[in-house]
Each structure stands twice: as C-alpha cells, then as structure tokens.
Amino acid sequence: MQTANAGLTLTTTVGSPLGPLTLTSRSGRLTGLYMQDAAHVPTPAGERVEAPGEFADVTAQLDAYFAGDLTDFDVPLDLGGSGFQRQVWAGLRCIPYGGTCSYAQLAAAIGRPRAWRAVGSANGRNPVAIIVPCHRVIAGGGGLGGYAGGLDRKAWLLAHERAVALRRRA
C-alpha cells in the first residue's frame, strides 16, 4: 500500500466470490475490509477518497486467497480497537488455515478463559474480516455461531479453506 495520501481515509470496493468487499486504509495501512450489508461497519471520520490503485497488493492477495493459492496474508494493518480487542484479533491470526476453534478455546488461548462472550463481541468487531480470520471461530457445540458478514459467507469461507487444505495435503 502506498502512503502518499497520509491522513486521509482511502477506500475502494472490489469484487469477490462473497460479493463486494469495501477496503479502507490510512497512512498505508489497511484499516477495514467489510462485506456488503455486514454488521458493525464503522463510519470513518474525516475525508474519504476513492483510490483503487492504493489497494493493488491487498487485492492481489485477496484474489490469491480466493483462488486457493494464499493461506496467510501479509498486509500492513492498523486495526484500532481496545487492548482486549487487539488481543483477540491477534489470537485469531493463530488459528490455522482450514481449522476452527470455539469462542471458549480462543478465550483460553489468550489467557482469558472466562471471557468467551467478550471474545465473541470482539470477534464480531474485527475490522478486517478474512485477513484476520474471525470466520474460523465457531460455537462450542460445533455450530457456526455468529458472523458479522452473514452466516452464509462464514460457511463459504470455512468450506473454501477446508477444501484448499485437503487439496494441499493430497
């Protein structure tokens, strides 16, 4: 990502198998990746500038992910959030590609075993879905649980990753 427009919120919308994805960045760091009609989409403060060229690397990585060629993103991020939210989001990045964990397991993994509900709330406020893989967290009983982007998209992402992981092992 470029940094020529530091201080402005840059944005673009790209196509994906999940529908349009809106990307936002500030000072060369990705601040948002939101699905159409997703819950918890913030309204950025200040001026927004449409700048599709600024997102070439992110777009290429997303394309590679959806093609099954990329399993781990390398994108500079500025996630904001509280200390607890950042701790949860860091924990999400430790869930292996093609795998899942429960909200309670994630809470335990970040050293807050009784905070599974707060983990669920922080998970739902992840500003860069897919790149920080909040879709990999499921309910304790094995059900999908919730997903700010919609349960159909969560199911698609999990099935996609499992299929790619199986293909790579074969």
N, C-alpha and C. Protein backbone atom coordinates (compact mmCIF):
# COMPACT_ATOMS: atom_id res chain seq x y z
N MET A 1 0.84 -1.18 0.00
CA MET A 1 0.00 0.00 0.00
C MET A 1 0.88 1.24 0.00
N GLN A 2 0.45 2.21 -0.71
CA GLN A 2 1.18 3.47 -0.82
C GLN A 2 0.86 4.35 0.39
N THR A 3 1.66 5.39 0.62
CA THR A 3 1.43 6.29 1.74
C THR A 3 1.34 7.74 1.31
N ALA A 4 1.19 8.01 0.02
CA ALA A 4 1.17 9.38 -0.47
C ALA A 4 0.04 10.20 0.11
N ASN A 5 -1.05 9.57 0.48
CA ASN A 5 -2.22 10.29 0.98
C ASN A 5 -2.38 10.11 2.48
N ALA A 6 -1.29 10.24 3.21
CA ALA A 6 -1.33 10.05 4.67
C ALA A 6 -2.35 10.98 5.29
N GLY A 7 -3.11 10.47 6.24
CA GLY A 7 -4.11 11.26 6.95
C GLY A 7 -5.51 11.14 6.38
N LEU A 8 -5.63 10.82 5.11
CA LEU A 8 -6.94 10.62 4.50
C LEU A 8 -7.35 9.16 4.64
N THR A 9 -8.65 8.92 4.64
CA THR A 9 -9.12 7.54 4.56
C THR A 9 -9.31 7.23 3.09
N LEU A 10 -8.53 6.28 2.61
CA LEU A 10 -8.64 5.85 1.22
C LEU A 10 -9.57 4.65 1.19
N THR A 11 -10.29 4.52 0.11
CA THR A 11 -11.27 3.43 0.01
C THR A 11 -11.40 2.94 -1.41
N THR A 12 -11.84 1.72 -1.54
CA THR A 12 -12.23 1.16 -2.83
C THR A 12 -13.13 -0.03 -2.56
N THR A 13 -13.82 -0.48 -3.57
CA THR A 13 -14.64 -1.68 -3.47
C THR A 13 -14.19 -2.63 -4.55
N VAL A 14 -13.98 -3.89 -4.16
CA VAL A 14 -13.52 -4.91 -5.09
C VAL A 14 -14.51 -6.06 -5.08
N GLY A 15 -14.56 -6.77 -6.18
CA GLY A 15 -15.42 -7.94 -6.27
C GLY A 15 -14.77 -9.15 -5.63
N SER A 16 -15.61 -10.09 -5.21
CA SER A 16 -15.11 -11.34 -4.63
C SER A 16 -16.22 -12.39 -4.76
N PRO A 17 -15.89 -13.65 -4.52
CA PRO A 17 -16.93 -14.68 -4.52
C PRO A 17 -18.00 -14.45 -3.45
N LEU A 18 -17.70 -13.59 -2.46
CA LEU A 18 -18.64 -13.29 -1.39
C LEU A 18 -19.44 -12.02 -1.66
N GLY A 19 -19.24 -11.44 -2.83
CA GLY A 19 -19.86 -10.17 -3.16
C GLY A 19 -18.86 -9.04 -2.97
N PRO A 20 -19.32 -7.80 -3.09
CA PRO A 20 -18.40 -6.67 -2.98
C PRO A 20 -17.75 -6.58 -1.60
N LEU A 21 -16.46 -6.26 -1.60
CA LEU A 21 -15.70 -6.02 -0.37
C LEU A 21 -15.22 -4.58 -0.40
N THR A 22 -15.52 -3.84 0.65
CA THR A 22 -15.05 -2.46 0.75
C THR A 22 -13.77 -2.45 1.58
N LEU A 23 -12.72 -1.87 1.02
CA LEU A 23 -11.43 -1.76 1.68
C LEU A 23 -11.20 -0.31 2.08
N THR A 24 -10.61 -0.09 3.26
CA THR A 24 -10.24 1.25 3.69
C THR A 24 -8.82 1.21 4.23
N SER A 25 -8.12 2.34 4.09
CA SER A 25 -6.77 2.43 4.64
C SER A 25 -6.48 3.87 5.05
N ARG A 26 -5.51 3.99 5.94
CA ARG A 26 -4.97 5.29 6.35
C ARG A 26 -3.47 5.12 6.48
N SER A 27 -2.74 6.09 5.97
CA SER A 27 -1.29 6.11 6.10
C SER A 27 -0.63 4.80 5.68
N GLY A 28 -1.12 4.19 4.60
CA GLY A 28 -0.51 2.99 4.06
C GLY A 28 -0.83 1.70 4.78
N ARG A 29 -1.78 1.73 5.71
CA ARG A 29 -2.15 0.53 6.46
C ARG A 29 -3.64 0.26 6.28
N LEU A 30 -3.97 -1.00 6.05
CA LEU A 30 -5.36 -1.40 5.89
C LEU A 30 -6.09 -1.22 7.22
N THR A 31 -7.20 -0.51 7.20
CA THR A 31 -8.00 -0.28 8.40
C THR A 31 -9.34 -0.99 8.35
N GLY A 32 -9.75 -1.43 7.19
CA GLY A 32 -11.04 -2.08 7.08
C GLY A 32 -11.17 -2.96 5.86
N LEU A 33 -11.90 -4.06 6.01
CA LEU A 33 -12.33 -4.92 4.93
C LEU A 33 -13.73 -5.36 5.32
N TYR A 34 -14.72 -4.82 4.64
CA TYR A 34 -16.11 -5.03 5.03
C TYR A 34 -16.91 -5.63 3.89
N MET A 35 -17.74 -6.59 4.23
CA MET A 35 -18.64 -7.21 3.26
C MET A 35 -19.92 -6.40 3.17
N GLN A 36 -20.54 -6.47 2.02
CA GLN A 36 -21.80 -5.76 1.81
C GLN A 36 -22.82 -6.20 2.85
N ASP A 37 -23.49 -5.24 3.45
CA ASP A 37 -24.53 -5.48 4.46
C ASP A 37 -24.01 -6.12 5.74
N ALA A 38 -22.72 -6.01 6.01
CA ALA A 38 -22.16 -6.58 7.24
C ALA A 38 -22.57 -5.74 8.45
N ALA A 39 -22.60 -6.40 9.59
CA ALA A 39 -22.86 -5.70 10.85
C ALA A 39 -21.58 -5.00 11.31
N HIS A 40 -21.72 -3.98 12.12
CA HIS A 40 -20.60 -3.30 12.79
C HIS A 40 -19.65 -2.58 11.84
N VAL A 41 -20.14 -2.05 10.74
CA VAL A 41 -19.28 -1.28 9.84
C VAL A 41 -19.24 0.15 10.36
N PRO A 42 -18.05 0.62 10.76
CA PRO A 42 -17.96 1.98 11.30
C PRO A 42 -18.04 3.03 10.20
N THR A 43 -18.41 4.22 10.59
CA THR A 43 -18.38 5.36 9.67
C THR A 43 -17.05 6.08 9.91
N PRO A 44 -16.15 6.04 8.93
CA PRO A 44 -14.85 6.66 9.14
C PRO A 44 -14.97 8.17 9.35
N ALA A 45 -14.17 8.68 10.26
CA ALA A 45 -14.12 10.13 10.49
C ALA A 45 -13.29 10.77 9.39
N GLY A 46 -13.59 11.98 9.07
CA GLY A 46 -12.79 12.73 8.11
C GLY A 46 -13.12 12.41 6.67
N GLU A 47 -12.28 12.91 5.81
CA GLU A 47 -12.49 12.80 4.37
C GLU A 47 -12.15 11.41 3.85
N ARG A 48 -13.01 10.90 2.96
CA ARG A 48 -12.77 9.62 2.29
C ARG A 48 -12.49 9.89 0.82
N VAL A 49 -11.48 9.21 0.31
CA VAL A 49 -11.09 9.38 -1.09
C VAL A 49 -11.07 8.01 -1.76
N GLU A 50 -11.76 7.90 -2.89
CA GLU A 50 -11.75 6.67 -3.68
C GLU A 50 -10.37 6.55 -4.32
N ALA A 51 -9.66 5.46 -4.04
CA ALA A 51 -8.29 5.29 -4.53
C ALA A 51 -8.00 3.83 -4.81
N PRO A 52 -8.58 3.26 -5.86
CA PRO A 52 -8.42 1.83 -6.12
C PRO A 52 -6.96 1.40 -6.30
N GLY A 53 -6.13 2.25 -6.88
CA GLY A 53 -4.73 1.90 -7.10
C GLY A 53 -3.95 1.69 -5.81
N GLU A 54 -4.39 2.28 -4.74
CA GLU A 54 -3.70 2.15 -3.45
C GLU A 54 -3.86 0.76 -2.85
N PHE A 55 -4.75 -0.05 -3.39
CA PHE A 55 -5.06 -1.35 -2.79
C PHE A 55 -4.62 -2.51 -3.67
N ALA A 56 -3.70 -2.27 -4.60
CA ALA A 56 -3.29 -3.32 -5.55
C ALA A 56 -2.75 -4.55 -4.83
N ASP A 57 -1.91 -4.37 -3.81
CA ASP A 57 -1.33 -5.52 -3.11
C ASP A 57 -2.39 -6.29 -2.33
N VAL A 58 -3.27 -5.58 -1.64
CA VAL A 58 -4.33 -6.23 -0.88
C VAL A 58 -5.25 -7.00 -1.84
N THR A 59 -5.60 -6.37 -2.94
CA THR A 59 -6.48 -7.00 -3.92
C THR A 59 -5.82 -8.25 -4.49
N ALA A 60 -4.52 -8.18 -4.81
CA ALA A 60 -3.81 -9.35 -5.34
C ALA A 60 -3.80 -10.48 -4.31
N GLN A 61 -3.59 -10.15 -3.04
CA GLN A 61 -3.59 -11.18 -2.01
C GLN A 61 -4.98 -11.78 -1.82
N LEU A 62 -6.01 -10.95 -1.87
CA LEU A 62 -7.38 -11.48 -1.77
C LEU A 62 -7.69 -12.40 -2.96
N ASP A 63 -7.30 -11.99 -4.16
CA ASP A 63 -7.51 -12.83 -5.34
C ASP A 63 -6.81 -14.18 -5.18
N ALA A 64 -5.57 -14.15 -4.67
CA ALA A 64 -4.81 -15.39 -4.46
C ALA A 64 -5.48 -16.26 -3.38
N TYR A 65 -6.00 -15.63 -2.34
CA TYR A 65 -6.72 -16.37 -1.29
C TYR A 65 -7.94 -17.07 -1.89
N PHE A 66 -8.74 -16.33 -2.64
CA PHE A 66 -9.95 -16.92 -3.20
C PHE A 66 -9.64 -17.98 -4.26
N ALA A 67 -8.48 -17.89 -4.91
CA ALA A 67 -8.06 -18.91 -5.87
C ALA A 67 -7.48 -20.14 -5.19
N GLY A 68 -7.25 -20.06 -3.88
CA GLY A 68 -6.68 -21.18 -3.14
C GLY A 68 -5.17 -21.20 -3.16
N ASP A 69 -4.55 -20.10 -3.56
CA ASP A 69 -3.09 -20.03 -3.66
C ASP A 69 -2.43 -19.33 -2.48
N LEU A 70 -3.20 -18.71 -1.60
CA LEU A 70 -2.65 -17.97 -0.47
C LEU A 70 -3.38 -18.40 0.80
N THR A 71 -2.62 -18.71 1.83
CA THR A 71 -3.24 -19.13 3.09
C THR A 71 -2.92 -18.18 4.24
N ASP A 72 -2.02 -17.25 4.04
CA ASP A 72 -1.62 -16.32 5.09
C ASP A 72 -1.35 -14.96 4.47
N PHE A 73 -2.06 -13.95 4.93
CA PHE A 73 -1.92 -12.60 4.38
C PHE A 73 -0.72 -11.88 4.97
N ASP A 74 -0.12 -11.02 4.14
CA ASP A 74 0.98 -10.16 4.57
C ASP A 74 0.62 -8.73 4.18
N VAL A 75 -0.21 -8.12 5.00
CA VAL A 75 -0.75 -6.79 4.72
C VAL A 75 -0.50 -5.91 5.93
N PRO A 76 0.08 -4.72 5.76
CA PRO A 76 0.22 -3.82 6.91
C PRO A 76 -1.16 -3.40 7.41
N LEU A 77 -1.38 -3.55 8.72
CA LEU A 77 -2.69 -3.30 9.31
C LEU A 77 -2.64 -2.19 10.35
N ASP A 78 -3.73 -1.47 10.47
CA ASP A 78 -3.97 -0.54 11.58
C ASP A 78 -5.40 -0.82 12.03
N LEU A 79 -5.53 -1.69 13.04
CA LEU A 79 -6.84 -2.18 13.43
C LEU A 79 -7.56 -1.32 14.44
N GLY A 80 -6.85 -0.42 15.11
CA GLY A 80 -7.52 0.35 16.16
C GLY A 80 -8.00 -0.59 17.24
N GLY A 81 -9.13 -0.28 17.86
CA GLY A 81 -9.72 -1.13 18.87
C GLY A 81 -9.08 -0.98 20.23
N SER A 82 -9.72 -1.59 21.21
CA SER A 82 -9.21 -1.59 22.58
C SER A 82 -8.07 -2.60 22.71
N GLY A 83 -7.37 -2.55 23.82
CA GLY A 83 -6.32 -3.53 24.07
C GLY A 83 -6.85 -4.95 24.04
N PHE A 84 -8.02 -5.17 24.65
CA PHE A 84 -8.62 -6.51 24.65
C PHE A 84 -8.99 -6.94 23.23
N GLN A 85 -9.58 -6.04 22.45
CA GLN A 85 -9.93 -6.40 21.07
C GLN A 85 -8.69 -6.76 20.28
N ARG A 86 -7.62 -5.99 20.41
CA ARG A 86 -6.38 -6.29 19.68
C ARG A 86 -5.82 -7.65 20.11
N GLN A 87 -5.97 -7.99 21.40
CA GLN A 87 -5.52 -9.29 21.90
C GLN A 87 -6.33 -10.41 21.23
N VAL A 88 -7.63 -10.24 21.13
CA VAL A 88 -8.48 -11.23 20.48
C VAL A 88 -8.11 -11.34 19.00
N TRP A 89 -7.95 -10.21 18.34
CA TRP A 89 -7.63 -10.24 16.91
C TRP A 89 -6.27 -10.89 16.65
N ALA A 90 -5.32 -10.69 17.55
CA ALA A 90 -4.03 -11.38 17.42
C ALA A 90 -4.24 -12.89 17.59
N GLY A 91 -5.10 -13.28 18.52
CA GLY A 91 -5.41 -14.69 18.71
C GLY A 91 -6.05 -15.32 17.48
N LEU A 92 -6.86 -14.56 16.78
CA LEU A 92 -7.49 -15.07 15.56
C LEU A 92 -6.46 -15.46 14.52
N ARG A 93 -5.38 -14.70 14.45
CA ARG A 93 -4.35 -14.96 13.45
C ARG A 93 -3.56 -16.23 13.75
N CYS A 94 -3.75 -16.80 14.94
CA CYS A 94 -3.06 -18.04 15.32
C CYS A 94 -3.88 -19.28 14.98
N ILE A 95 -5.13 -19.10 14.58
CA ILE A 95 -5.97 -20.26 14.22
C ILE A 95 -5.51 -20.72 12.84
N PRO A 96 -5.11 -21.97 12.70
CA PRO A 96 -4.56 -22.44 11.43
C PRO A 96 -5.57 -22.35 10.27
N TYR A 97 -5.05 -22.08 9.10
CA TYR A 97 -5.85 -22.08 7.88
C TYR A 97 -6.55 -23.43 7.74
N GLY A 98 -7.84 -23.39 7.48
CA GLY A 98 -8.62 -24.61 7.32
C GLY A 98 -9.12 -25.19 8.63
N GLY A 99 -8.73 -24.57 9.74
CA GLY A 99 -9.14 -25.05 11.05
C GLY A 99 -10.14 -24.12 11.70
N THR A 100 -10.62 -24.51 12.85
CA THR A 100 -11.56 -23.70 13.62
C THR A 100 -11.22 -23.84 15.10
N CYS A 101 -11.78 -22.96 15.89
CA CYS A 101 -11.75 -23.09 17.34
C CYS A 101 -13.03 -22.45 17.87
N SER A 102 -13.37 -22.77 19.09
CA SER A 102 -14.57 -22.20 19.68
C SER A 102 -14.23 -20.87 20.34
N TYR A 103 -15.27 -20.12 20.66
CA TYR A 103 -15.08 -18.86 21.38
C TYR A 103 -14.38 -19.12 22.72
N ALA A 104 -14.78 -20.19 23.40
CA ALA A 104 -14.17 -20.53 24.69
C ALA A 104 -12.70 -20.93 24.51
N GLN A 105 -12.39 -21.67 23.46
CA GLN A 105 -11.00 -22.05 23.20
C GLN A 105 -10.14 -20.82 22.90
N LEU A 106 -10.69 -19.88 22.15
CA LEU A 106 -9.95 -18.67 21.85
C LEU A 106 -9.74 -17.85 23.12
N ALA A 107 -10.78 -17.77 23.95
CA ALA A 107 -10.65 -17.05 25.22
C ALA A 107 -9.54 -17.66 26.07
N ALA A 108 -9.49 -18.98 26.15
CA ALA A 108 -8.44 -19.65 26.91
C ALA A 108 -7.07 -19.41 26.28
N ALA A 109 -7.00 -19.43 24.97
CA ALA A 109 -5.72 -19.24 24.28
C ALA A 109 -5.12 -17.86 24.53
N ILE A 110 -5.97 -16.85 24.75
CA ILE A 110 -5.44 -15.51 25.01
C ILE A 110 -5.32 -15.24 26.51
N GLY A 111 -5.51 -16.28 27.32
CA GLY A 111 -5.34 -16.14 28.75
C GLY A 111 -6.52 -15.55 29.49
N ARG A 112 -7.71 -15.57 28.87
CA ARG A 112 -8.93 -15.03 29.48
C ARG A 112 -10.04 -16.07 29.39
N PRO A 113 -9.88 -17.23 30.02
CA PRO A 113 -10.80 -18.35 29.81
C PRO A 113 -12.26 -18.08 30.15
N ARG A 114 -12.54 -17.13 31.00
CA ARG A 114 -13.94 -16.85 31.36
C ARG A 114 -14.56 -15.76 30.49
N ALA A 115 -13.80 -15.22 29.58
CA ALA A 115 -14.26 -14.07 28.78
C ALA A 115 -14.74 -14.48 27.39
N TRP A 116 -15.32 -15.67 27.25
CA TRP A 116 -15.70 -16.12 25.92
C TRP A 116 -16.77 -15.24 25.27
N ARG A 117 -17.66 -14.67 26.06
CA ARG A 117 -18.67 -13.77 25.46
C ARG A 117 -18.02 -12.48 24.98
N ALA A 118 -17.10 -11.95 25.75
CA ALA A 118 -16.38 -10.74 25.33
C ALA A 118 -15.52 -11.05 24.10
N VAL A 119 -14.96 -12.25 24.04
CA VAL A 119 -14.21 -12.67 22.86
C VAL A 119 -15.14 -12.68 21.65
N GLY A 120 -16.35 -13.19 21.82
CA GLY A 120 -17.31 -13.19 20.72
C GLY A 120 -17.64 -11.79 20.25
N SER A 121 -17.80 -10.86 21.18
CA SER A 121 -18.08 -9.48 20.82
C SER A 121 -16.91 -8.85 20.07
N ALA A 122 -15.69 -9.06 20.58
CA ALA A 122 -14.50 -8.52 19.90
C ALA A 122 -14.34 -9.15 18.53
N ASN A 123 -14.60 -10.44 18.43
CA ASN A 123 -14.51 -11.15 17.16
C ASN A 123 -15.46 -10.51 16.14
N GLY A 124 -16.67 -10.18 16.56
CA GLY A 124 -17.65 -9.58 15.67
C GLY A 124 -17.29 -8.17 15.24
N ARG A 125 -16.39 -7.53 15.94
CA ARG A 125 -15.97 -6.17 15.60
C ARG A 125 -14.63 -6.13 14.88
N ASN A 126 -14.14 -7.28 14.48
CA ASN A 126 -12.90 -7.36 13.71
C ASN A 126 -13.05 -6.50 12.45
N PRO A 127 -12.20 -5.49 12.27
CA PRO A 127 -12.38 -4.59 11.14
C PRO A 127 -11.85 -5.11 9.81
N VAL A 128 -11.10 -6.20 9.81
CA VAL A 128 -10.54 -6.71 8.56
C VAL A 128 -10.85 -8.20 8.41
N ALA A 129 -12.14 -8.48 8.27
CA ALA A 129 -12.59 -9.85 8.06
C ALA A 129 -11.79 -10.49 6.94
N ILE A 130 -11.68 -11.77 6.97
CA ILE A 130 -10.93 -12.62 6.05
C ILE A 130 -9.44 -12.53 6.35
N ILE A 131 -8.87 -11.34 6.32
CA ILE A 131 -7.43 -11.18 6.56
C ILE A 131 -7.10 -11.55 8.00
N VAL A 132 -7.87 -11.07 8.95
CA VAL A 132 -7.81 -11.55 10.33
C VAL A 132 -9.01 -12.49 10.43
N PRO A 133 -8.75 -13.80 10.45
CA PRO A 133 -9.79 -14.80 10.15
C PRO A 133 -10.80 -15.07 11.25
N CYS A 134 -11.68 -14.11 11.49
CA CYS A 134 -12.72 -14.27 12.51
C CYS A 134 -13.73 -15.34 12.12
N HIS A 135 -13.79 -15.69 10.84
CA HIS A 135 -14.71 -16.74 10.40
C HIS A 135 -14.32 -18.11 10.94
N ARG A 136 -13.12 -18.27 11.45
CA ARG A 136 -12.65 -19.57 11.95
C ARG A 136 -13.10 -19.87 13.37
N VAL A 137 -13.83 -18.94 13.99
CA VAL A 137 -14.32 -19.16 15.35
C VAL A 137 -15.77 -19.62 15.27
N ILE A 138 -16.03 -20.76 15.92
CA ILE A 138 -17.36 -21.37 15.86
C ILE A 138 -17.90 -21.55 17.28
N ALA A 139 -19.16 -21.91 17.37
CA ALA A 139 -19.80 -22.15 18.66
C ALA A 139 -19.22 -23.42 19.30
N GLY A 140 -19.32 -23.49 20.61
CA GLY A 140 -18.78 -24.62 21.36
C GLY A 140 -19.33 -25.97 20.93
N GLY A 141 -20.57 -26.02 20.51
CA GLY A 141 -21.19 -27.27 20.08
C GLY A 141 -20.88 -27.64 18.64
N GLY A 142 -20.07 -26.84 17.96
CA GLY A 142 -19.69 -27.13 16.58
C GLY A 142 -20.50 -26.37 15.55
N GLY A 143 -21.56 -25.64 15.98
CA GLY A 143 -22.33 -24.84 15.03
C GLY A 143 -21.55 -23.60 14.60
N LEU A 144 -22.05 -22.92 13.62
CA LEU A 144 -21.33 -21.77 13.08
C LEU A 144 -21.21 -20.61 14.07
N GLY A 145 -22.17 -20.45 14.96
CA GLY A 145 -22.16 -19.27 15.82
C GLY A 145 -22.61 -18.07 15.00
N GLY A 146 -22.05 -16.92 15.26
CA GLY A 146 -22.41 -15.71 14.51
C GLY A 146 -21.33 -15.32 13.53
N TYR A 147 -21.63 -14.32 12.71
CA TYR A 147 -20.64 -13.76 11.79
C TYR A 147 -21.17 -12.43 11.28
N ALA A 148 -20.40 -11.38 11.46
CA ALA A 148 -20.84 -10.04 11.05
C ALA A 148 -21.10 -9.96 9.56
N GLY A 149 -20.43 -10.79 8.77
CA GLY A 149 -20.63 -10.80 7.33
C GLY A 149 -21.78 -11.68 6.87
N GLY A 150 -22.42 -12.38 7.79
CA GLY A 150 -23.52 -13.28 7.45
C GLY A 150 -23.08 -14.73 7.51
N LEU A 151 -23.96 -15.57 8.02
CA LEU A 151 -23.61 -16.99 8.19
C LEU A 151 -23.34 -17.70 6.87
N ASP A 152 -24.01 -17.29 5.79
CA ASP A 152 -23.75 -17.92 4.50
C ASP A 152 -22.31 -17.67 4.06
N ARG A 153 -21.81 -16.48 4.30
CA ARG A 153 -20.41 -16.17 3.95
C ARG A 153 -19.44 -16.92 4.85
N LYS A 154 -19.75 -17.02 6.13
CA LYS A 154 -18.89 -17.76 7.05
C LYS A 154 -18.80 -19.23 6.60
N ALA A 155 -19.93 -19.83 6.28
CA ALA A 155 -19.95 -21.22 5.82
C ALA A 155 -19.13 -21.36 4.54
N TRP A 156 -19.25 -20.40 3.63
CA TRP A 156 -18.48 -20.45 2.38
C TRP A 156 -16.98 -20.38 2.66
N LEU A 157 -16.57 -19.45 3.52
CA LEU A 157 -15.15 -19.30 3.84
C LEU A 157 -14.58 -20.57 4.47
N LEU A 158 -15.31 -21.14 5.42
CA LEU A 158 -14.84 -22.36 6.08
C LEU A 158 -14.74 -23.52 5.08
N ALA A 159 -15.74 -23.68 4.22
CA ALA A 159 -15.72 -24.75 3.23
C ALA A 159 -14.57 -24.54 2.24
N HIS A 160 -14.37 -23.30 1.82
CA HIS A 160 -13.27 -22.96 0.89
C HIS A 160 -11.93 -23.35 1.50
N GLU A 161 -11.70 -22.94 2.74
CA GLU A 161 -10.41 -23.21 3.37
C GLU A 161 -10.21 -24.71 3.60
N ARG A 162 -11.25 -25.41 4.00
CA ARG A 162 -11.13 -26.86 4.20
C ARG A 162 -10.80 -27.55 2.88
N ALA A 163 -11.46 -27.16 1.81
CA ALA A 163 -11.20 -27.78 0.50
C ALA A 163 -9.77 -27.51 0.05
N VAL A 164 -9.31 -26.29 0.20
CA VAL A 164 -7.93 -25.95 -0.18
C VAL A 164 -6.94 -26.73 0.68
N ALA A 165 -7.17 -26.79 1.99
CA ALA A 165 -6.27 -27.51 2.89
C ALA A 165 -6.23 -29.00 2.53
N LEU A 166 -7.36 -29.60 2.22
CA LEU A 166 -7.39 -31.01 1.82
C LEU A 166 -6.64 -31.22 0.51
N ARG A 167 -6.83 -30.34 -0.44
CA ARG A 167 -6.13 -30.43 -1.73
C ARG A 167 -4.62 -30.33 -1.53
N ARG A 168 -4.18 -29.48 -0.64
CA ARG A 168 -2.74 -29.30 -0.40
C ARG A 168 -2.13 -30.53 0.28
N ARG A 169 -2.92 -31.22 1.10
CA ARG A 169 -2.41 -32.41 1.80
C ARG A 169 -2.34 -33.61 0.87
N ALA A 170 -3.15 -33.61 -0.18
CA ALA A 170 -3.22 -34.77 -1.10
C ALA A 170 -2.00 -34.83 -2.01
